[in-house]
Amino acid sequence: MAVRATPLLGSCFGAALALAAVAAPAADAPLPLERVVLFTSGVGYYQHGGTIVDEATVEMQFAAADVNDLLKSMVVLDPGGGPPTVSYASRDPVTKTLGTFAVNLTDNPSLGELLGRLRGQRVELDAATPVAGTVVGVEQRRVEIGEDQAVEKQFLTVLTADGLRTLPLDAVSRVKLADPRLQAELEKALAVLALAADNEKKGVAIAFSGAGERPVTVGYVRESPIWKTSYRLLLDADTAVTKAALQGWAIVENTTDADWKNVRLSLVSGRPIRIARSMAPPHRSSG
């Protein structure tokens, strides 16, 4: 992202370049990014802010390599609520996590295998004739399709109000779970699979406790690409007194997952000894 700095005086070589970064519109987030401070030493301070109501949990995604430093430096402020709680996603293998759900999707089961694991559960089936009942089991049968020709087919047996019914599985176009709890478990297992597709990401959950509508702020430090500036000195010789203006130009890289919309961006030249956060008052010693 190319950013144009505002003109600076000639003596401002060591000062920070404060500018506004505007990018393409991003999807609404509970705590959008509102401030970024990038240092030439390769670290950056990122600040999110927003409004929450009553008790709320905000989910944020970060690169796995940044989670360690991020959690050590994270500051969460909720002036109108209780102490917030920060937790991050488990490092357990996805197979272990999937094994904890009522519907086990660890080994990528087929429809027949999945229905076999749902024995005893009520389902609604769309076939030539709609069927509703309890899954008894799935069996493999050899079906003759011509002279000296046969194929293996799966058949589903369901206990209905009229008794046991068996129908070929390839004739079933829709399967609906009657138990909402089991449906929710299946959706959670699929969500775990979706998150596991990106092994470089880790989820961090921030739980806020309190009542009413109030502003909250989350800030942290993470590694950022190094940026450099180039300068141009402008001299105005048309006036009686020669005036000089120094322009600073910089190119920075957005390594976050969100567009920088209405973000206050500051570029600081030098090594950060301490990051002063505007959201917290400075410490004052007594005596």
C-alpha atoms as a PDB file:
ATOM      1  CA  MET A   1       0.000   0.000   0.000  1.00  0.00           C
ATOM      2  CA  ALA A   2       1.526   3.338  -1.029  1.00  0.00           C
ATOM      3  CA  VAL A   3       1.061   6.173   1.464  1.00  0.00           C
ATOM      4  CA  ARG A   4       1.804   9.815   0.936  1.00  0.00           C
ATOM      5  CA  ALA A   5       3.089  11.722   3.956  1.00  0.00           C
ATOM      6  CA  THR A   6       2.136  15.300   4.726  1.00  0.00           C
ATOM      7  CA  PRO A   7       4.914  17.893   4.199  1.00  0.00           C
ATOM      8  CA  LEU A   8       7.329  18.119   7.111  1.00  0.00           C
ATOM      9  CA  LEU A   9       9.802  20.798   8.156  1.00  0.00           C
ATOM     10  CA  GLY A  10      13.469  20.251   7.364  1.00  0.00           C
ATOM     11  CA  SER A  11      14.296  19.467  11.010  1.00  0.00           C
ATOM     12  CA  CYS A  12      11.819  16.616  11.313  1.00  0.00           C
ATOM     13  CA  PHE A  13      14.059  13.744  10.200  1.00  0.00           C
ATOM     14  CA  GLY A  14      13.662  11.922  13.514  1.00  0.00           C
ATOM     15  CA  ALA A  15       9.962  12.568  13.968  1.00  0.00           C
ATOM     16  CA  ALA A  16       7.141  10.130  13.329  1.00  0.00           C
ATOM     17  CA  LEU A  17       5.116  10.403  10.139  1.00  0.00           C
ATOM     18  CA  ALA A  18       1.467  10.488  11.183  1.00  0.00           C
ATOM     19  CA  LEU A  19      -0.949   9.755   8.363  1.00  0.00           C
ATOM     20  CA  ALA A  20      -4.325   8.239   7.611  1.00  0.00           C
ATOM     21  CA  ALA A  21      -4.549   4.916   5.764  1.00  0.00           C
ATOM     22  CA  VAL A  22      -7.668   4.406   3.684  1.00  0.00           C
ATOM     23  CA  ALA A  23      -8.254   1.174   1.754  1.00  0.00           C
ATOM     24  CA  ALA A  24     -11.145  -0.693   0.218  1.00  0.00           C
ATOM     25  CA  PRO A  25     -14.194  -1.169   2.492  1.00  0.00           C
ATOM     26  CA  ALA A  26     -13.920  -4.166   4.827  1.00  0.00           C
ATOM     27  CA  ALA A  27     -16.585  -6.322   6.389  1.00  0.00           C
ATOM     28  CA  ASP A  28     -17.869  -5.074   9.731  1.00  0.00           C
ATOM     29  CA  ALA A  29     -15.978  -6.532  12.679  1.00  0.00           C
ATOM     30  CA  PRO A  30     -16.879  -6.368  16.400  1.00  0.00           C
ATOM     31  CA  LEU A  31     -13.546  -4.667  17.172  1.00  0.00           C
ATOM     32  CA  PRO A  32     -12.182  -3.105  13.982  1.00  0.00           C
ATOM     33  CA  LEU A  33      -8.570  -2.015  13.712  1.00  0.00           C
ATOM     34  CA  GLU A  34      -8.336   1.690  14.496  1.00  0.00           C
ATOM     35  CA  ARG A  35      -4.660   2.450  15.069  1.00  0.00           C
ATOM     36  CA  VAL A  36      -1.315   1.104  13.796  1.00  0.00           C
ATOM     37  CA  VAL A  37       2.166   2.227  14.852  1.00  0.00           C
ATOM     38  CA  LEU A  38       5.000   0.742  12.751  1.00  0.00           C
ATOM     39  CA  PHE A  39       8.659   1.049  13.775  1.00  0.00           C
ATOM     40  CA  THR A  40      11.671   0.790  11.503  1.00  0.00           C
ATOM     41  CA  SER A  41      13.006  -1.960  13.802  1.00  0.00           C
ATOM     42  CA  GLY A  42      10.403  -4.412  12.485  1.00  0.00           C
ATOM     43  CA  VAL A  43       7.725  -4.374  15.183  1.00  0.00           C
ATOM     44  CA  GLY A  44       4.296  -2.786  15.214  1.00  0.00           C
ATOM     45  CA  TYR A  45       1.625  -1.853  17.711  1.00  0.00           C
ATOM     46  CA  TYR A  46      -1.967  -2.613  16.667  1.00  0.00           C
ATOM     47  CA  GLN A  47      -5.030  -1.269  18.453  1.00  0.00           C
ATOM     48  CA  HIS A  48      -8.639  -2.399  17.993  1.00  0.00           C
ATOM     49  CA  GLY A  49     -11.655  -0.618  19.403  1.00  0.00           C
ATOM     50  CA  GLY A  50     -15.412  -0.912  19.350  1.00  0.00           C
ATOM     51  CA  THR A  51     -18.617  -1.077  21.322  1.00  0.00           C
ATOM     52  CA  ILE A  52     -20.063  -4.158  23.025  1.00  0.00           C
ATOM     53  CA  VAL A  53     -23.306  -4.773  24.901  1.00  0.00           C
ATOM     54  CA  ASP A  54     -23.519  -6.742  28.166  1.00  0.00           C
ATOM     55  CA  GLU A  55     -21.495  -9.972  28.208  1.00  0.00           C
ATOM     56  CA  ALA A  56     -19.841 -10.681  24.857  1.00  0.00           C
ATOM     57  CA  THR A  57     -17.080 -12.823  23.386  1.00  0.00           C
ATOM     58  CA  VAL A  58     -15.005 -11.505  20.491  1.00  0.00           C
ATOM     59  CA  GLU A  59     -13.137 -13.978  18.257  1.00  0.00           C
ATOM     60  CA  MET A  60      -9.934 -12.810  16.542  1.00  0.00           C
ATOM     61  CA  GLN A  61      -7.655 -14.732  14.144  1.00  0.00           C
ATOM     62  CA  PHE A  62      -3.867 -14.337  14.085  1.00  0.00           C
ATOM     63  CA  ALA A  63      -0.892 -16.016  12.455  1.00  0.00           C
ATOM     64  CA  ALA A  64       0.306 -18.922  14.604  1.00  0.00           C
ATOM     65  CA  ALA A  65       3.854 -17.510  14.707  1.00  0.00           C
ATOM     66  CA  ASP A  66       2.571 -14.237  16.250  1.00  0.00           C
ATOM     67  CA  VAL A  67       0.403 -15.699  19.027  1.00  0.00           C
ATOM     68  CA  ASN A  68       3.190 -16.069  21.602  1.00  0.00           C
ATOM     69  CA  ASP A  69       4.397 -12.448  21.460  1.00  0.00           C
ATOM     70  CA  LEU A  70       0.867 -11.212  20.952  1.00  0.00           C
ATOM     71  CA  LEU A  71      -0.488 -12.786  24.153  1.00  0.00           C
ATOM     72  CA  LYS A  72       2.490 -11.515  26.182  1.00  0.00           C
ATOM     73  CA  SER A  73       1.938  -7.934  25.041  1.00  0.00           C
ATOM     74  CA  MET A  74      -1.867  -7.833  24.792  1.00  0.00           C
ATOM     75  CA  VAL A  75      -3.712  -5.163  26.772  1.00  0.00           C
ATOM     76  CA  VAL A  76      -7.516  -5.352  27.044  1.00  0.00           C
ATOM     77  CA  LEU A  77      -9.464  -2.444  28.513  1.00  0.00           C
ATOM     78  CA  ASP A  78     -13.129  -2.611  29.496  1.00  0.00           C
ATOM     79  CA  PRO A  79     -13.692   0.405  31.772  1.00  0.00           C
ATOM     80  CA  GLY A  80     -17.388  -0.303  32.280  1.00  0.00           C
ATOM     81  CA  GLY A  81     -17.172  -4.061  32.873  1.00  0.00           C
ATOM     82  CA  GLY A  82     -15.398  -6.734  34.850  1.00  0.00           C
ATOM     83  CA  PRO A  83     -11.968  -8.247  34.203  1.00  0.00           C
ATOM     84  CA  PRO A  84     -11.875  -9.700  30.660  1.00  0.00           C
ATOM     85  CA  THR A  85     -10.665 -13.244  29.939  1.00  0.00           C
ATOM     86  CA  VAL A  86      -8.364 -14.096  27.030  1.00  0.00           C
ATOM     87  CA  SER A  87      -8.067 -17.661  25.709  1.00  0.00           C
ATOM     88  CA  TYR A  88      -6.617 -19.155  22.547  1.00  0.00           C
ATOM     89  CA  ALA A  89      -7.376 -22.186  20.432  1.00  0.00           C
ATOM     90  CA  SER A  90      -6.094 -25.565  21.581  1.00  0.00           C
ATOM     91  CA  ARG A  91      -2.977 -26.986  19.962  1.00  0.00           C
ATOM     92  CA  ASP A  92      -4.483 -30.484  19.986  1.00  0.00           C
ATOM     93  CA  PRO A  93      -4.493 -32.241  16.595  1.00  0.00           C
ATOM     94  CA  VAL A  94      -7.710 -31.782  14.661  1.00  0.00           C
ATOM     95  CA  THR A  95      -8.338 -35.548  14.777  1.00  0.00           C
ATOM     96  CA  LYS A  96      -8.393 -35.436  18.574  1.00  0.00           C
ATOM     97  CA  THR A  97     -10.812 -32.507  18.555  1.00  0.00           C
ATOM     98  CA  LEU A  98     -13.130 -34.179  16.027  1.00  0.00           C
ATOM     99  CA  GLY A  99     -13.198 -37.316  18.174  1.00  0.00           C
ATOM    100  CA  THR A 100     -14.908 -35.391  20.971  1.00  0.00           C
ATOM    101  CA  PHE A 101     -18.034 -34.659  18.929  1.00  0.00           C
ATOM    102  CA  ALA A 102     -21.107 -36.883  18.864  1.00  0.00           C
ATOM    103  CA  VAL A 103     -20.680 -37.249  15.094  1.00  0.00           C
ATOM    104  CA  ASN A 104     -17.130 -38.414  14.334  1.00  0.00           C
ATOM    105  CA  LEU A 105     -15.805 -37.009  11.048  1.00  0.00           C
ATOM    106  CA  THR A 106     -12.157 -37.916  11.661  1.00  0.00           C
ATOM    107  CA  ASP A 107     -11.769 -40.403   8.794  1.00  0.00           C
ATOM    108  CA  ASN A 108     -13.834 -38.586   6.144  1.00  0.00           C
ATOM    109  CA  PRO A 109     -16.806 -41.028   6.242  1.00  0.00           C
ATOM    110  CA  SER A 110     -19.095 -41.659   3.284  1.00  0.00           C
ATOM    111  CA  LEU A 111     -22.837 -41.080   3.589  1.00  0.00           C
ATOM    112  CA  GLY A 112     -23.399 -44.752   4.348  1.00  0.00           C
ATOM    113  CA  GLU A 113     -20.693 -44.776   7.037  1.00  0.00           C
ATOM    114  CA  LEU A 114     -22.047 -41.581   8.543  1.00  0.00           C
ATOM    115  CA  LEU A 115     -25.587 -42.961   8.726  1.00  0.00           C
ATOM    116  CA  GLY A 116     -24.190 -46.140  10.263  1.00  0.00           C
ATOM    117  CA  ARG A 117     -22.734 -44.023  13.070  1.00  0.00           C
ATOM    118  CA  LEU A 118     -26.158 -42.448  13.597  1.00  0.00           C
ATOM    119  CA  ARG A 119     -27.826 -45.712  14.633  1.00  0.00           C
ATOM    120  CA  GLY A 120     -30.664 -44.991  17.041  1.00  0.00           C
ATOM    121  CA  GLN A 121     -31.109 -41.408  15.812  1.00  0.00           C
ATOM    122  CA  ARG A 122     -34.298 -40.151  14.167  1.00  0.00           C
ATOM    123  CA  VAL A 123     -33.949 -38.871  10.616  1.00  0.00           C
ATOM    124  CA  GLU A 124     -36.148 -37.559   7.835  1.00  0.00           C
ATOM    125  CA  LEU A 125     -35.347 -38.845   4.352  1.00  0.00           C
ATOM    126  CA  ASP A 126     -36.298 -37.565   0.921  1.00  0.00           C
ATOM    127  CA  ALA A 127     -36.607 -40.454  -1.536  1.00  0.00           C
ATOM    128  CA  ALA A 128     -39.238 -41.671  -3.998  1.00  0.00           C
ATOM    129  CA  THR A 129     -41.503 -41.657  -0.938  1.00  0.00           C
ATOM    130  CA  PRO A 130     -40.518 -39.464   2.049  1.00  0.00           C
ATOM    131  CA  VAL A 131     -39.579 -41.538   5.088  1.00  0.00           C
ATOM    132  CA  ALA A 132     -39.237 -40.537   8.759  1.00  0.00           C
ATOM    133  CA  GLY A 133     -37.963 -42.904  11.412  1.00  0.00           C
ATOM    134  CA  THR A 134     -35.024 -44.211  13.448  1.00  0.00           C
ATOM    135  CA  VAL A 135     -31.834 -45.441  11.813  1.00  0.00           C
ATOM    136  CA  VAL A 136     -31.377 -49.194  12.359  1.00  0.00           C
ATOM    137  CA  GLY A 137     -28.294 -49.691  10.212  1.00  0.00           C
ATOM    138  CA  VAL A 138     -26.653 -49.721   6.799  1.00  0.00           C
ATOM    139  CA  GLU A 139     -25.830 -52.960   4.965  1.00  0.00           C
ATOM    140  CA  GLN A 140     -24.043 -53.866   1.747  1.00  0.00           C
ATOM    141  CA  ARG A 141     -25.920 -56.007  -0.796  1.00  0.00           C
ATOM    142  CA  ARG A 142     -25.015 -57.531  -4.139  1.00  0.00           C
ATOM    143  CA  VAL A 143     -27.583 -56.516  -6.747  1.00  0.00           C
ATOM    144  CA  GLU A 144     -27.923 -58.245 -10.111  1.00  0.00           C
ATOM    145  CA  ILE A 145     -28.087 -55.784 -12.997  1.00  0.00           C
ATOM    146  CA  GLY A 146     -27.917 -58.214 -15.913  1.00  0.00           C
ATOM    147  CA  GLU A 147     -26.679 -61.578 -17.007  1.00  0.00           C
ATOM    148  CA  ASP A 148     -23.534 -62.404 -15.045  1.00  0.00           C
ATOM    149  CA  GLN A 149     -23.334 -58.802 -13.839  1.00  0.00           C
ATOM    150  CA  ALA A 150     -23.793 -57.484 -10.315  1.00  0.00           C
ATOM    151  CA  VAL A 151     -22.892 -54.390  -8.320  1.00  0.00           C
ATOM    152  CA  GLU A 152     -22.520 -53.659  -4.617  1.00  0.00           C
ATOM    153  CA  LYS A 153     -25.137 -51.273  -3.215  1.00  0.00           C
ATOM    154  CA  GLN A 154     -25.760 -49.852   0.239  1.00  0.00           C
ATOM    155  CA  PHE A 155     -29.220 -50.124   1.781  1.00  0.00           C
ATOM    156  CA  LEU A 156     -30.492 -48.142   4.744  1.00  0.00           C
ATOM    157  CA  THR A 157     -32.916 -49.720   7.200  1.00  0.00           C
ATOM    158  CA  VAL A 158     -35.195 -47.375   9.134  1.00  0.00           C
ATOM    159  CA  LEU A 159     -37.748 -48.141  11.839  1.00  0.00           C
ATOM    160  CA  THR A 160     -40.900 -46.190  11.032  1.00  0.00           C
ATOM    161  CA  ALA A 161     -44.362 -46.086  12.584  1.00  0.00           C
ATOM    162  CA  ASP A 162     -45.415 -48.754  10.070  1.00  0.00           C
ATOM    163  CA  GLY A 163     -42.445 -51.020  10.805  1.00  0.00           C
ATOM    164  CA  LEU A 164     -39.018 -51.596   9.269  1.00  0.00           C
ATOM    165  CA  ARG A 165     -38.350 -50.105   5.848  1.00  0.00           C
ATOM    166  CA  THR A 166     -35.278 -50.667   3.683  1.00  0.00           C
ATOM    167  CA  LEU A 167     -34.386 -48.407   0.797  1.00  0.00           C
ATOM    168  CA  PRO A 168     -31.335 -48.078  -1.440  1.00  0.00           C
ATOM    169  CA  LEU A 169     -29.041 -45.322  -0.262  1.00  0.00           C
ATOM    170  CA  ASP A 170     -28.482 -43.984  -3.779  1.00  0.00           C
ATOM    171  CA  ALA A 171     -32.211 -43.202  -3.928  1.00  0.00           C
ATOM    172  CA  VAL A 172     -31.998 -40.868  -0.912  1.00  0.00           C
ATOM    173  CA  SER A 173     -31.615 -37.223  -1.951  1.00  0.00           C
ATOM    174  CA  ARG A 174     -31.800 -35.567   1.493  1.00  0.00           C
ATOM    175  CA  VAL A 175     -31.118 -36.570   5.094  1.00  0.00           C
ATOM    176  CA  LYS A 176     -32.298 -34.359   7.933  1.00  0.00           C
ATOM    177  CA  LEU A 177     -31.409 -34.997  11.578  1.00  0.00           C
ATOM    178  CA  ALA A 178     -34.452 -34.657  13.832  1.00  0.00           C
ATOM    179  CA  ASP A 179     -32.363 -33.930  16.955  1.00  0.00           C
ATOM    180  CA  PRO A 180     -31.319 -30.226  17.011  1.00  0.00           C
ATOM    181  CA  ARG A 181     -28.468 -31.003  19.421  1.00  0.00           C
ATOM    182  CA  LEU A 182     -26.993 -33.563  17.044  1.00  0.00           C
ATOM    183  CA  GLN A 183     -27.403 -31.151  14.148  1.00  0.00           C
ATOM    184  CA  ALA A 184     -25.458 -28.517  16.106  1.00  0.00           C
ATOM    185  CA  GLU A 185     -22.713 -31.057  16.903  1.00  0.00           C
ATOM    186  CA  LEU A 186     -22.339 -31.867  13.213  1.00  0.00           C
ATOM    187  CA  GLU A 187     -22.096 -28.186  12.340  1.00  0.00           C
ATOM    188  CA  LYS A 188     -19.408 -27.655  15.007  1.00  0.00           C
ATOM    189  CA  ALA A 189     -17.383 -30.596  13.696  1.00  0.00           C
ATOM    190  CA  LEU A 190     -17.533 -29.162  10.164  1.00  0.00           C
ATOM    191  CA  ALA A 191     -16.459 -25.759  11.517  1.00  0.00           C
ATOM    192  CA  VAL A 192     -13.402 -27.383  13.122  1.00  0.00           C
ATOM    193  CA  LEU A 193     -12.519 -28.940   9.768  1.00  0.00           C
ATOM    194  CA  ALA A 194     -12.858 -25.565   8.070  1.00  0.00           C
ATOM    195  CA  LEU A 195     -10.502 -23.916  10.573  1.00  0.00           C
ATOM    196  CA  ALA A 196      -8.018 -26.773  10.288  1.00  0.00           C
ATOM    197  CA  ALA A 197      -7.682 -26.040   6.570  1.00  0.00           C
ATOM    198  CA  ASP A 198      -5.596 -23.021   7.555  1.00  0.00           C
ATOM    199  CA  ASN A 199      -2.938 -24.405   9.885  1.00  0.00           C
ATOM    200  CA  GLU A 200      -1.141 -21.065  10.015  1.00  0.00           C
ATOM    201  CA  LYS A 201      -3.992 -19.372  11.888  1.00  0.00           C
ATOM    202  CA  LYS A 202      -4.868 -19.479  15.585  1.00  0.00           C
ATOM    203  CA  GLY A 203      -8.032 -18.174  17.203  1.00  0.00           C
ATOM    204  CA  VAL A 204      -7.941 -15.882  20.235  1.00  0.00           C
ATOM    205  CA  ALA A 205     -11.180 -15.372  22.168  1.00  0.00           C
ATOM    206  CA  ILE A 206     -11.715 -12.344  24.422  1.00  0.00           C
ATOM    207  CA  ALA A 207     -14.635 -12.698  26.851  1.00  0.00           C
ATOM    208  CA  PHE A 208     -16.027  -9.453  28.276  1.00  0.00           C
ATOM    209  CA  SER A 209     -18.240  -9.405  31.360  1.00  0.00           C
ATOM    210  CA  GLY A 210     -20.455  -6.507  32.350  1.00  0.00           C
ATOM    211  CA  ALA A 211     -23.782  -4.826  31.717  1.00  0.00           C
ATOM    212  CA  GLY A 212     -24.891  -2.191  29.260  1.00  0.00           C
ATOM    213  CA  GLU A 213     -23.333  -0.692  26.150  1.00  0.00           C
ATOM    214  CA  ARG A 214     -19.717   0.440  26.520  1.00  0.00           C
ATOM    215  CA  PRO A 215     -16.513   0.984  24.505  1.00  0.00           C
ATOM    216  CA  VAL A 216     -13.638  -1.504  24.774  1.00  0.00           C
ATOM    217  CA  THR A 217     -10.068  -1.492  23.455  1.00  0.00           C
ATOM    218  CA  VAL A 218      -7.601  -4.262  22.597  1.00  0.00           C
ATOM    219  CA  GLY A 219      -3.942  -3.551  21.850  1.00  0.00           C
ATOM    220  CA  TYR A 220      -0.941  -5.786  21.144  1.00  0.00           C
ATOM    221  CA  VAL A 221       2.550  -5.865  19.621  1.00  0.00           C
ATOM    222  CA  ARG A 222       3.561  -8.145  16.753  1.00  0.00           C
ATOM    223  CA  GLU A 223       6.278  -8.459  14.148  1.00  0.00           C
ATOM    224  CA  SER A 224       5.842  -6.236  11.090  1.00  0.00           C
ATOM    225  CA  PRO A 225       7.700  -5.738   7.796  1.00  0.00           C
ATOM    226  CA  ILE A 226      10.447  -3.134   7.832  1.00  0.00           C
ATOM    227  CA  TRP A 227       9.599   0.091   6.019  1.00  0.00           C
ATOM    228  CA  LYS A 228      11.855   2.802   4.653  1.00  0.00           C
ATOM    229  CA  THR A 229      11.341   6.398   3.675  1.00  0.00           C
ATOM    230  CA  SER A 230      12.636   8.634   0.931  1.00  0.00           C
ATOM    231  CA  TYR A 231      12.709  12.409   1.267  1.00  0.00           C
ATOM    232  CA  ARG A 232      12.355  15.309  -1.130  1.00  0.00           C
ATOM    233  CA  LEU A 233      13.405  18.852  -0.223  1.00  0.00           C
ATOM    234  CA  LEU A 234      11.373  21.638  -1.867  1.00  0.00           C
ATOM    235  CA  LEU A 235      12.818  25.164  -2.028  1.00  0.00           C
ATOM    236  CA  ASP A 236      10.645  28.180  -2.788  1.00  0.00           C
ATOM    237  CA  ALA A 237      12.929  30.785  -4.329  1.00  0.00           C
ATOM    238  CA  ASP A 238      10.155  33.098  -5.563  1.00  0.00           C
ATOM    239  CA  THR A 239       9.807  34.817  -2.192  1.00  0.00           C
ATOM    240  CA  ALA A 240      12.119  37.264  -0.480  1.00  0.00           C
ATOM    241  CA  VAL A 241      12.981  34.670   2.144  1.00  0.00           C
ATOM    242  CA  THR A 242      13.790  31.194   0.857  1.00  0.00           C
ATOM    243  CA  LYS A 243      11.436  28.648   2.367  1.00  0.00           C
ATOM    244  CA  ALA A 244      12.124  24.940   2.547  1.00  0.00           C
ATOM    245  CA  ALA A 245       9.685  22.071   2.912  1.00  0.00           C
ATOM    246  CA  LEU A 246      10.605  18.451   3.393  1.00  0.00           C
ATOM    247  CA  GLN A 247       8.331  15.711   2.079  1.00  0.00           C
ATOM    248  CA  GLY A 248       8.599  12.152   3.309  1.00  0.00           C
ATOM    249  CA  TRP A 249       7.395   9.184   1.243  1.00  0.00           C
ATOM    250  CA  ALA A 250       6.987   5.669   2.573  1.00  0.00           C
ATOM    251  CA  ILE A 251       5.621   2.312   1.395  1.00  0.00           C
ATOM    252  CA  VAL A 252       4.245  -0.008   4.070  1.00  0.00           C
ATOM    253  CA  GLU A 253       2.808  -3.516   3.791  1.00  0.00           C
ATOM    254  CA  ASN A 254      -0.515  -4.548   5.313  1.00  0.00           C
ATOM    255  CA  THR A 255       0.101  -8.062   6.667  1.00  0.00           C
ATOM    256  CA  THR A 256      -3.203  -8.286   8.556  1.00  0.00           C
ATOM    257  CA  ASP A 257      -6.295 -10.085   7.246  1.00  0.00           C
ATOM    258  CA  ALA A 258      -8.427  -6.934   7.145  1.00  0.00           C
ATOM    259  CA  ASP A 259      -8.372  -3.848   4.951  1.00  0.00           C
ATOM    260  CA  TRP A 260      -7.121  -0.716   6.670  1.00  0.00           C
ATOM    261  CA  LYS A 261     -10.187   1.505   6.588  1.00  0.00           C
ATOM    262  CA  ASN A 262     -10.226   4.664   8.709  1.00  0.00           C
ATOM    263  CA  VAL A 263      -7.034   3.516  10.430  1.00  0.00           C
ATOM    264  CA  ARG A 264      -4.693   6.035  12.041  1.00  0.00           C
ATOM    265  CA  LEU A 265      -1.217   5.022  10.884  1.00  0.00           C
ATOM    266  CA  SER A 266       2.025   6.296  12.413  1.00  0.00           C
ATOM    267  CA  LEU A 267       5.512   5.505  11.121  1.00  0.00           C
ATOM    268  CA  VAL A 268       8.235   5.878  13.743  1.00  0.00           C
ATOM    269  CA  SER A 269      11.943   5.956  12.945  1.00  0.00           C
ATOM    270  CA  GLY A 270      14.080   4.491  15.701  1.00  0.00           C
ATOM    271  CA  ARG A 271      14.127   1.603  18.143  1.00  0.00           C
ATOM    272  CA  PRO A 272      11.125   1.473  20.464  1.00  0.00           C
ATOM    273  CA  ILE A 273      12.310   1.394  24.085  1.00  0.00           C
ATOM    274  CA  ARG A 274       8.741   1.627  25.298  1.00  0.00           C
ATOM    275  CA  ILE A 275       5.410   1.796  23.487  1.00  0.00           C
ATOM    276  CA  ALA A 276       3.227   4.473  25.063  1.00  0.00           C
ATOM    277  CA  ARG A 277      -0.404   3.495  24.563  1.00  0.00           C
ATOM    278  CA  SER A 278      -2.823   6.376  24.342  1.00  0.00           C
ATOM    279  CA  MET A 279      -5.589   4.190  25.765  1.00  0.00           C
ATOM    280  CA  ALA A 280      -3.846   3.944  29.176  1.00  0.00           C
ATOM    281  CA  PRO A 281      -2.707   6.888  31.353  1.00  0.00           C
ATOM    282  CA  PRO A 282       1.051   7.132  32.055  1.00  0.00           C
ATOM    283  CA  HIS A 283       2.323   5.842  35.382  1.00  0.00           C
ATOM    284  CA  ARG A 284       2.932   8.570  37.932  1.00  0.00           C
ATOM    285  CA  SER A 285       5.175   7.985  40.912  1.00  0.00           C
ATOM    286  CA  SER A 286       4.404   9.603  44.232  1.00  0.00           C
ATOM    287  CA  GLY A 287       6.914  11.253  46.511  1.00  0.00           C
END
